[in-house]
All heavy atoms as atom14 arrays in JSON, in Angstrom:
{
  "sequence": "GGSVQAGGSLRLSCAASGRAFNNYGMGWFRQAPGEERVFVA",
  "atom14_mask": [
    [1, 1, 1, 1, 0, 0, 0, 0, 0, 0, 0, 0, 0, 0],
    [1, 1, 1, 1, 0, 0, 0, 0, 0, 0, 0, 0, 0, 0],
    [1, 1, 1, 1, 1, 1, 0, 0, 0, 0, 0, 0, 0, 0],
    [1, 1, 1, 1, 1, 1, 1, 0, 0, 0, 0, 0, 0, 0],
    [1, 1, 1, 1, 1, 1, 1, 1, 1, 0, 0, 0, 0, 0],
    [1, 1, 1, 1, 1, 0, 0, 0, 0, 0, 0, 0, 0, 0],
    [1, 1, 1, 1, 0, 0, 0, 0, 0, 0, 0, 0, 0, 0],
    [1, 1, 1, 1, 0, 0, 0, 0, 0, 0, 0, 0, 0, 0],
    [1, 1, 1, 1, 1, 1, 0, 0, 0, 0, 0, 0, 0, 0],
    [1, 1, 1, 1, 1, 1, 1, 1, 0, 0, 0, 0, 0, 0],
    [1, 1, 1, 1, 1, 1, 1, 1, 1, 1, 1, 0, 0, 0],
    [1, 1, 1, 1, 1, 1, 1, 1, 0, 0, 0, 0, 0, 0],
    [1, 1, 1, 1, 1, 1, 0, 0, 0, 0, 0, 0, 0, 0],
    [1, 1, 1, 1, 1, 1, 0, 0, 0, 0, 0, 0, 0, 0],
    [1, 1, 1, 1, 1, 0, 0, 0, 0, 0, 0, 0, 0, 0],
    [1, 1, 1, 1, 1, 0, 0, 0, 0, 0, 0, 0, 0, 0],
    [1, 1, 1, 1, 1, 1, 0, 0, 0, 0, 0, 0, 0, 0],
    [1, 1, 1, 1, 0, 0, 0, 0, 0, 0, 0, 0, 0, 0],
    [1, 1, 1, 1, 1, 1, 1, 1, 1, 1, 1, 0, 0, 0],
    [1, 1, 1, 1, 1, 0, 0, 0, 0, 0, 0, 0, 0, 0],
    [1, 1, 1, 1, 1, 1, 1, 1, 1, 1, 1, 0, 0, 0],
    [1, 1, 1, 1, 1, 1, 1, 1, 0, 0, 0, 0, 0, 0],
    [1, 1, 1, 1, 1, 1, 1, 1, 0, 0, 0, 0, 0, 0],
    [1, 1, 1, 1, 1, 1, 1, 1, 1, 1, 1, 1, 0, 0],
    [1, 1, 1, 1, 0, 0, 0, 0, 0, 0, 0, 0, 0, 0],
    [1, 1, 1, 1, 1, 1, 1, 1, 0, 0, 0, 0, 0, 0],
    [1, 1, 1, 1, 0, 0, 0, 0, 0, 0, 0, 0, 0, 0],
    [1, 1, 1, 1, 1, 1, 1, 1, 1, 1, 1, 1, 1, 1],
    [1, 1, 1, 1, 1, 1, 1, 1, 1, 1, 1, 0, 0, 0],
    [1, 1, 1, 1, 1, 1, 1, 1, 1, 1, 1, 0, 0, 0],
    [1, 1, 1, 1, 1, 1, 1, 1, 1, 0, 0, 0, 0, 0],
    [1, 1, 1, 1, 1, 0, 0, 0, 0, 0, 0, 0, 0, 0],
    [1, 1, 1, 1, 1, 1, 1, 0, 0, 0, 0, 0, 0, 0],
    [1, 1, 1, 1, 0, 0, 0, 0, 0, 0, 0, 0, 0, 0],
    [1, 1, 1, 1, 1, 1, 1, 1, 1, 0, 0, 0, 0, 0],
    [1, 1, 1, 1, 1, 1, 1, 1, 1, 0, 0, 0, 0, 0],
    [1, 1, 1, 1, 1, 1, 1, 1, 1, 1, 1, 0, 0, 0],
    [1, 1, 1, 1, 1, 1, 1, 0, 0, 0, 0, 0, 0, 0],
    [1, 1, 1, 1, 1, 1, 1, 1, 1, 1, 1, 0, 0, 0],
    [1, 1, 1, 1, 1, 1, 1, 0, 0, 0, 0, 0, 0, 0],
    [1, 1, 1, 1, 1, 0, 0, 0, 0, 0, 0, 0, 0, 0]
  ],
  "atom14_positions": [
    [[4.06, -7.93, 0.39], [5.32, -7.38, 0.25], [6.47, -8.43, 0.18], [6.2, -9.68, 0.48], [0.0, 0.0, 0.0], [0.0, 0.0, 0.0], [0.0, 0.0, 0.0], [0.0, 0.0, 0.0], [0.0, 0.0, 0.0], [0.0, 0.0, 0.0], [0.0, 0.0, 0.0], [0.0, 0.0, 0.0], [0.0, 0.0, 0.0], [0.0, 0.0, 0.0]],
    [[7.65, -8.0, -0.24], [8.81, -8.93, -0.29], [9.94, -8.27, -0.97], [9.93, -7.04, -1.14], [0.0, 0.0, 0.0], [0.0, 0.0, 0.0], [0.0, 0.0, 0.0], [0.0, 0.0, 0.0], [0.0, 0.0, 0.0], [0.0, 0.0, 0.0], [0.0, 0.0, 0.0], [0.0, 0.0, 0.0], [0.0, 0.0, 0.0], [0.0, 0.0, 0.0]],
    [[10.87, -9.15, -1.41], [12.08, -8.65, -2.14], [12.02, -9.09, -3.59], [11.63, -10.25, -3.84], [13.3, -9.27, -1.45], [13.47, -8.75, -0.09], [0.0, 0.0, 0.0], [0.0, 0.0, 0.0], [0.0, 0.0, 0.0], [0.0, 0.0, 0.0], [0.0, 0.0, 0.0], [0.0, 0.0, 0.0], [0.0, 0.0, 0.0], [0.0, 0.0, 0.0]],
    [[12.29, -8.19, -4.43], [12.31, -8.41, -5.88], [13.41, -7.72, -6.57], [13.85, -6.68, -6.09], [10.88, -8.03, -6.43], [10.68, -6.53, -6.33], [10.74, -8.61, -7.86], [0.0, 0.0, 0.0], [0.0, 0.0, 0.0], [0.0, 0.0, 0.0], [0.0, 0.0, 0.0], [0.0, 0.0, 0.0], [0.0, 0.0, 0.0], [0.0, 0.0, 0.0]],
    [[13.8, -8.16, -7.66], [14.88, -7.45, -8.52], [14.15, -6.4, -9.28], [13.08, -6.36, -9.58], [15.59, -8.42, -9.47], [16.45, -9.42, -8.71], [17.18, -10.34, -9.61], [17.05, -10.28, -10.87], [18.03, -11.25, -9.12], [0.0, 0.0, 0.0], [0.0, 0.0, 0.0], [0.0, 0.0, 0.0], [0.0, 0.0, 0.0], [0.0, 0.0, 0.0]],
    [[15.0, -5.43, -9.57], [14.39, -4.34, -10.46], [13.87, -4.86, -11.71], [14.43, -5.75, -12.38], [15.63, -3.31, -10.86], [0.0, 0.0, 0.0], [0.0, 0.0, 0.0], [0.0, 0.0, 0.0], [0.0, 0.0, 0.0], [0.0, 0.0, 0.0], [0.0, 0.0, 0.0], [0.0, 0.0, 0.0], [0.0, 0.0, 0.0], [0.0, 0.0, 0.0]],
    [[12.8, -4.3, -12.13], [12.05, -4.7, -13.3], [10.96, -5.7, -12.93], [10.13, -6.05, -13.84], [0.0, 0.0, 0.0], [0.0, 0.0, 0.0], [0.0, 0.0, 0.0], [0.0, 0.0, 0.0], [0.0, 0.0, 0.0], [0.0, 0.0, 0.0], [0.0, 0.0, 0.0], [0.0, 0.0, 0.0], [0.0, 0.0, 0.0], [0.0, 0.0, 0.0]],
    [[10.97, -6.23, -11.74], [10.05, -7.21, -11.36], [8.65, -6.7, -10.92], [8.45, -5.47, -10.93], [0.0, 0.0, 0.0], [0.0, 0.0, 0.0], [0.0, 0.0, 0.0], [0.0, 0.0, 0.0], [0.0, 0.0, 0.0], [0.0, 0.0, 0.0], [0.0, 0.0, 0.0], [0.0, 0.0, 0.0], [0.0, 0.0, 0.0], [0.0, 0.0, 0.0]],
    [[7.82, -7.6, -10.41], [6.44, -7.17, -9.95], [6.09, -7.75, -8.61], [6.59, -8.87, -8.29], [5.42, -7.69, -11.1], [5.67, -7.08, -12.36], [0.0, 0.0, 0.0], [0.0, 0.0, 0.0], [0.0, 0.0, 0.0], [0.0, 0.0, 0.0], [0.0, 0.0, 0.0], [0.0, 0.0, 0.0], [0.0, 0.0, 0.0], [0.0, 0.0, 0.0]],
    [[5.19, -7.0, -7.95], [4.59, -7.55, -6.76], [3.1, -7.08, -6.75], [2.84, -5.98, -7.33], [5.3, -6.91, -5.53], [6.64, -7.48, -5.17], [7.28, -6.75, -3.98], [6.55, -8.98, -4.78], [0.0, 0.0, 0.0], [0.0, 0.0, 0.0], [0.0, 0.0, 0.0], [0.0, 0.0, 0.0], [0.0, 0.0, 0.0], [0.0, 0.0, 0.0]],
    [[2.31, -7.8, -6.12], [0.92, -7.44, -5.86], [0.65, -7.34, -4.34], [0.7, -8.31, -3.72], [-0.06, -8.41, -6.52], [-1.51, -8.0, -6.46], [-2.29, -9.07, -7.16], [-3.8, -8.76, -7.18], [-4.34, -8.07, -8.14], [-3.67, -7.43, -9.01], [-5.73, -7.77, -7.92], [0.0, 0.0, 0.0], [0.0, 0.0, 0.0], [0.0, 0.0, 0.0]],
    [[0.35, -6.14, -3.87], [0.0, -5.92, -2.42], [-1.51, -5.99, -2.29], [-2.26, -5.6, -3.13], [0.47, -4.56, -2.05], [1.9, -4.23, -2.19], [2.26, -2.85, -1.64], [2.83, -5.29, -1.69], [0.0, 0.0, 0.0], [0.0, 0.0, 0.0], [0.0, 0.0, 0.0], [0.0, 0.0, 0.0], [0.0, 0.0, 0.0], [0.0, 0.0, 0.0]],
    [[-1.96, -6.6, -1.07], [-3.3, -6.62, -0.74], [-3.49, -5.96, 0.56], [-2.64, -5.93, 1.46], [-3.68, -8.08, -0.61], [-3.57, -8.76, -1.8], [0.0, 0.0, 0.0], [0.0, 0.0, 0.0], [0.0, 0.0, 0.0], [0.0, 0.0, 0.0], [0.0, 0.0, 0.0], [0.0, 0.0, 0.0], [0.0, 0.0, 0.0], [0.0, 0.0, 0.0]],
    [[-4.67, -5.35, 0.78], [-5.11, -4.68, 1.97], [-6.48, -5.26, 2.3], [-7.48, -4.88, 1.7], [-5.01, -3.21, 1.85], [-5.69, -2.26, 3.33], [0.0, 0.0, 0.0], [0.0, 0.0, 0.0], [0.0, 0.0, 0.0], [0.0, 0.0, 0.0], [0.0, 0.0, 0.0], [0.0, 0.0, 0.0], [0.0, 0.0, 0.0], [0.0, 0.0, 0.0]],
    [[-6.5, -6.07, 3.37], [-7.79, -6.64, 3.74], [-8.39, -5.79, 4.88], [-7.72, -5.52, 5.85], [-7.56, -8.14, 4.19], [0.0, 0.0, 0.0], [0.0, 0.0, 0.0], [0.0, 0.0, 0.0], [0.0, 0.0, 0.0], [0.0, 0.0, 0.0], [0.0, 0.0, 0.0], [0.0, 0.0, 0.0], [0.0, 0.0, 0.0], [0.0, 0.0, 0.0]],
    [[-9.67, -5.54, 4.76], [-10.39, -4.74, 5.71], [-11.34, -5.48, 6.53], [-12.06, -6.36, 6.08], [-11.15, -3.62, 5.01], [0.0, 0.0, 0.0], [0.0, 0.0, 0.0], [0.0, 0.0, 0.0], [0.0, 0.0, 0.0], [0.0, 0.0, 0.0], [0.0, 0.0, 0.0], [0.0, 0.0, 0.0], [0.0, 0.0, 0.0], [0.0, 0.0, 0.0]],
    [[-11.43, -5.18, 7.81], [-12.48, -5.73, 8.66], [-13.2, -4.68, 9.29], [-12.79, -3.62, 9.5], [-11.84, -6.71, 9.66], [-10.9, -6.11, 10.61], [0.0, 0.0, 0.0], [0.0, 0.0, 0.0], [0.0, 0.0, 0.0], [0.0, 0.0, 0.0], [0.0, 0.0, 0.0], [0.0, 0.0, 0.0], [0.0, 0.0, 0.0], [0.0, 0.0, 0.0]],
    [[-14.35, -4.93, 9.86], [-15.17, -3.89, 10.43], [-16.4, -3.57, 9.6], [-16.71, -4.46, 8.61], [0.0, 0.0, 0.0], [0.0, 0.0, 0.0], [0.0, 0.0, 0.0], [0.0, 0.0, 0.0], [0.0, 0.0, 0.0], [0.0, 0.0, 0.0], [0.0, 0.0, 0.0], [0.0, 0.0, 0.0], [0.0, 0.0, 0.0], [0.0, 0.0, 0.0]],
    [[-17.14, -2.46, 9.75], [-18.28, -2.2, 9.06], [-18.03, -1.14, 8.01], [-17.18, -0.31, 8.1], [-19.35, -1.69, 10.01], [-19.76, -2.74, 11.05], [-20.94, -2.35, 11.93], [-20.71, -1.03, 12.75], [-21.55, -0.41, 13.49], [-22.86, -0.78, 13.37], [-21.2, 0.59, 14.16], [0.0, 0.0, 0.0], [0.0, 0.0, 0.0], [0.0, 0.0, 0.0]],
    [[-18.9, -1.15, 7.0], [-19.0, -0.12, 5.89], [-17.76, 0.11, 5.13], [-17.38, 1.23, 4.92], [-19.48, 1.23, 6.58], [0.0, 0.0, 0.0], [0.0, 0.0, 0.0], [0.0, 0.0, 0.0], [0.0, 0.0, 0.0], [0.0, 0.0, 0.0], [0.0, 0.0, 0.0], [0.0, 0.0, 0.0], [0.0, 0.0, 0.0], [0.0, 0.0, 0.0]],
    [[-17.08, -0.98, 4.81], [-15.87, -0.86, 3.94], [-16.14, -0.1, 2.76], [-15.31, 0.73, 2.34], [-15.33, -2.31, 3.7], [-14.2, -2.19, 2.72], [-12.89, -1.78, 3.03], [-14.41, -2.71, 1.38], [-11.85, -1.88, 2.14], [-13.42, -2.73, 0.47], [-12.16, -2.34, 0.76], [0.0, 0.0, 0.0], [0.0, 0.0, 0.0], [0.0, 0.0, 0.0]],
    [[-17.34, -0.34, 2.12], [-17.49, 0.27, 0.84], [-17.95, 1.77, 0.9], [-18.23, 2.35, -0.16], [-18.62, -0.54, 0.04], [-19.98, -0.61, 0.76], [-20.08, -0.22, 1.94], [-20.95, -1.24, 0.04], [0.0, 0.0, 0.0], [0.0, 0.0, 0.0], [0.0, 0.0, 0.0], [0.0, 0.0, 0.0], [0.0, 0.0, 0.0], [0.0, 0.0, 0.0]],
    [[-18.0, 2.3, 2.05], [-18.11, 3.71, 2.22], [-16.9, 4.58, 2.3], [-16.95, 5.78, 2.34], [-18.94, 4.01, 3.51], [-20.39, 3.49, 3.48], [-20.91, 3.32, 2.36], [-20.97, 3.2, 4.63], [0.0, 0.0, 0.0], [0.0, 0.0, 0.0], [0.0, 0.0, 0.0], [0.0, 0.0, 0.0], [0.0, 0.0, 0.0], [0.0, 0.0, 0.0]],
    [[-15.81, 3.87, 2.14], [-14.43, 4.55, 2.16], [-13.61, 4.62, 1.03], [-13.7, 3.54, 0.22], [-13.58, 3.83, 3.3], [-14.09, 4.0, 4.8], [-15.07, 3.09, 5.23], [-13.65, 4.99, 5.56], [-15.55, 3.25, 6.54], [-14.04, 5.16, 6.89], [-15.08, 4.3, 7.33], [-15.51, 4.38, 8.65], [0.0, 0.0, 0.0], [0.0, 0.0, 0.0]],
    [[-13.07, 5.63, 0.74], [-11.96, 5.65, -0.27], [-10.73, 5.02, 0.28], [-10.48, 5.16, 1.56], [0.0, 0.0, 0.0], [0.0, 0.0, 0.0], [0.0, 0.0, 0.0], [0.0, 0.0, 0.0], [0.0, 0.0, 0.0], [0.0, 0.0, 0.0], [0.0, 0.0, 0.0], [0.0, 0.0, 0.0], [0.0, 0.0, 0.0], [0.0, 0.0, 0.0]],
    [[-9.94, 4.45, -0.5], [-8.72, 3.65, -0.05], [-7.47, 4.19, -0.79], [-7.51, 4.4, -1.96], [-8.9, 2.25, -0.36], [-10.19, 1.56, 0.24], [-10.09, 1.55, 2.14], [-8.75, 0.54, 2.37], [0.0, 0.0, 0.0], [0.0, 0.0, 0.0], [0.0, 0.0, 0.0], [0.0, 0.0, 0.0], [0.0, 0.0, 0.0], [0.0, 0.0, 0.0]],
    [[-6.41, 4.3, -0.04], [-5.15, 4.8, -0.53], [-4.06, 4.05, -0.19], [-4.07, 3.23, 0.83], [0.0, 0.0, 0.0], [0.0, 0.0, 0.0], [0.0, 0.0, 0.0], [0.0, 0.0, 0.0], [0.0, 0.0, 0.0], [0.0, 0.0, 0.0], [0.0, 0.0, 0.0], [0.0, 0.0, 0.0], [0.0, 0.0, 0.0], [0.0, 0.0, 0.0]],
    [[-3.03, 3.93, -0.99], [-1.74, 3.39, -0.73], [-0.64, 4.57, -0.5], [-0.65, 5.41, -1.33], [-1.21, 2.48, -1.74], [-2.01, 1.17, -1.78], [-2.98, 0.78, -2.55], [-1.65, 0.01, -0.96], [-3.39, -0.54, -2.38], [-2.61, -1.06, -1.36], [-0.72, -0.27, 0.04], [-2.58, -2.26, -0.79], [-0.74, -1.53, 0.63], [-1.58, -2.47, 0.25]],
    [[0.08, 4.45, 0.58], [1.23, 5.38, 0.85], [2.42, 4.51, 1.03], [2.33, 3.34, 1.3], [0.85, 6.32, 2.06], [-0.13, 7.3, 1.82], [-1.48, 6.97, 1.69], [0.25, 8.66, 1.81], [-2.41, 7.85, 1.42], [-0.69, 9.61, 1.65], [-2.03, 9.27, 1.47], [0.0, 0.0, 0.0], [0.0, 0.0, 0.0], [0.0, 0.0, 0.0]],
    [[3.57, 5.18, 0.96], [4.82, 4.49, 1.3], [5.77, 5.36, 2.03], [5.79, 6.64, 1.89], [5.54, 3.91, -0.06], [5.97, 4.97, -0.96], [6.44, 4.28, -2.26], [6.98, 5.3, -3.18], [7.26, 4.98, -4.53], [7.01, 3.72, -4.97], [7.82, 5.9, -5.21], [0.0, 0.0, 0.0], [0.0, 0.0, 0.0], [0.0, 0.0, 0.0]],
    [[6.58, 4.73, 2.79], [7.64, 5.41, 3.55], [9.01, 4.76, 3.46], [9.2, 3.63, 3.88], [7.27, 5.54, 4.99], [8.21, 6.42, 5.82], [7.55, 6.72, 7.17], [6.57, 6.12, 7.63], [8.11, 7.72, 7.8], [0.0, 0.0, 0.0], [0.0, 0.0, 0.0], [0.0, 0.0, 0.0], [0.0, 0.0, 0.0], [0.0, 0.0, 0.0]],
    [[9.9, 5.43, 2.76], [11.37, 4.97, 2.56], [12.09, 5.25, 3.83], [11.76, 6.2, 4.6], [12.0, 5.43, 1.3], [0.0, 0.0, 0.0], [0.0, 0.0, 0.0], [0.0, 0.0, 0.0], [0.0, 0.0, 0.0], [0.0, 0.0, 0.0], [0.0, 0.0, 0.0], [0.0, 0.0, 0.0], [0.0, 0.0, 0.0], [0.0, 0.0, 0.0]],
    [[13.19, 4.57, 4.06], [14.02, 4.88, 5.25], [14.53, 6.3, 5.33], [14.99, 6.84, 4.29], [15.21, 3.92, 5.05], [14.76, 2.81, 4.24], [13.76, 3.43, 3.3], [0.0, 0.0, 0.0], [0.0, 0.0, 0.0], [0.0, 0.0, 0.0], [0.0, 0.0, 0.0], [0.0, 0.0, 0.0], [0.0, 0.0, 0.0], [0.0, 0.0, 0.0]],
    [[14.26, 6.99, 6.45], [14.73, 8.34, 6.52], [13.82, 9.4, 5.86], [14.16, 10.59, 5.82], [0.0, 0.0, 0.0], [0.0, 0.0, 0.0], [0.0, 0.0, 0.0], [0.0, 0.0, 0.0], [0.0, 0.0, 0.0], [0.0, 0.0, 0.0], [0.0, 0.0, 0.0], [0.0, 0.0, 0.0], [0.0, 0.0, 0.0], [0.0, 0.0, 0.0]],
    [[12.67, 8.96, 5.28], [11.86, 9.79, 4.49], [10.42, 9.83, 5.18], [10.13, 9.02, 6.02], [11.71, 9.36, 3.1], [12.96, 9.27, 2.37], [13.75, 10.62, 2.1], [12.88, 11.59, 2.11], [14.9, 10.62, 1.92], [0.0, 0.0, 0.0], [0.0, 0.0, 0.0], [0.0, 0.0, 0.0], [0.0, 0.0, 0.0], [0.0, 0.0, 0.0]],
    [[9.63, 10.89, 4.85], [8.23, 10.91, 5.32], [7.32, 10.03, 4.4], [7.67, 9.64, 3.31], [7.74, 12.34, 5.17], [7.67, 12.96, 3.8], [7.26, 14.42, 3.8], [7.16, 14.96, 4.85], [7.06, 14.93, 2.75], [0.0, 0.0, 0.0], [0.0, 0.0, 0.0], [0.0, 0.0, 0.0], [0.0, 0.0, 0.0], [0.0, 0.0, 0.0]],
    [[6.14, 9.76, 4.99], [5.2, 8.89, 4.32], [4.56, 9.77, 3.17], [4.07, 10.93, 3.45], [4.08, 8.45, 5.22], [3.22, 7.34, 4.68], [2.27, 6.85, 5.77], [2.89, 6.25, 6.84], [2.31, 5.65, 7.84], [1.02, 5.5, 7.86], [3.1, 5.13, 8.86], [0.0, 0.0, 0.0], [0.0, 0.0, 0.0], [0.0, 0.0, 0.0]],
    [[4.48, 9.19, 1.99], [4.1, 9.91, 0.82], [3.01, 9.18, 0.09], [2.97, 7.96, 0.13], [5.21, 10.31, -0.18], [6.23, 11.14, 0.49], [5.88, 9.03, -0.73], [0.0, 0.0, 0.0], [0.0, 0.0, 0.0], [0.0, 0.0, 0.0], [0.0, 0.0, 0.0], [0.0, 0.0, 0.0], [0.0, 0.0, 0.0], [0.0, 0.0, 0.0]],
    [[2.24, 9.89, -0.6], [1.08, 9.31, -1.43], [1.59, 8.5, -2.62], [2.48, 8.89, -3.2], [0.21, 10.53, -1.89], [-0.84, 10.03, -2.95], [-2.0, 9.37, -2.56], [-0.71, 10.39, -4.23], [-2.9, 8.96, -3.36], [-1.64, 10.01, -5.17], [-2.78, 9.23, -4.75], [0.0, 0.0, 0.0], [0.0, 0.0, 0.0], [0.0, 0.0, 0.0]],
    [[0.95, 7.41, -2.85], [1.25, 6.53, -3.99], [0.0, 6.44, -4.89], [0.13, 6.71, -6.07], [1.61, 5.11, -3.52], [1.81, 4.25, -4.75], [2.89, 5.2, -2.77], [0.0, 0.0, 0.0], [0.0, 0.0, 0.0], [0.0, 0.0, 0.0], [0.0, 0.0, 0.0], [0.0, 0.0, 0.0], [0.0, 0.0, 0.0], [0.0, 0.0, 0.0]],
    [[-1.12, 5.97, -4.44], [-2.38, 5.81, -5.16], [-3.58, 5.81, -4.29], [-3.47, 5.61, -3.09], [-2.22, 4.45, -5.91], [0.0, 0.0, 0.0], [0.0, 0.0, 0.0], [0.0, 0.0, 0.0], [0.0, 0.0, 0.0], [0.0, 0.0, 0.0], [0.0, 0.0, 0.0], [0.0, 0.0, 0.0], [0.0, 0.0, 0.0], [0.0, 0.0, 0.0]]
  ]
}
């Protein structure tokens, strides 16, 4: 994460530790200030 101007790009990573990572579906959610956490991908 970080700060970027409109029209720019970022690449987020999520590193997992523990067992059986490949047995899980993975999702991205986001939460804006004053808002609930919502589905992204």
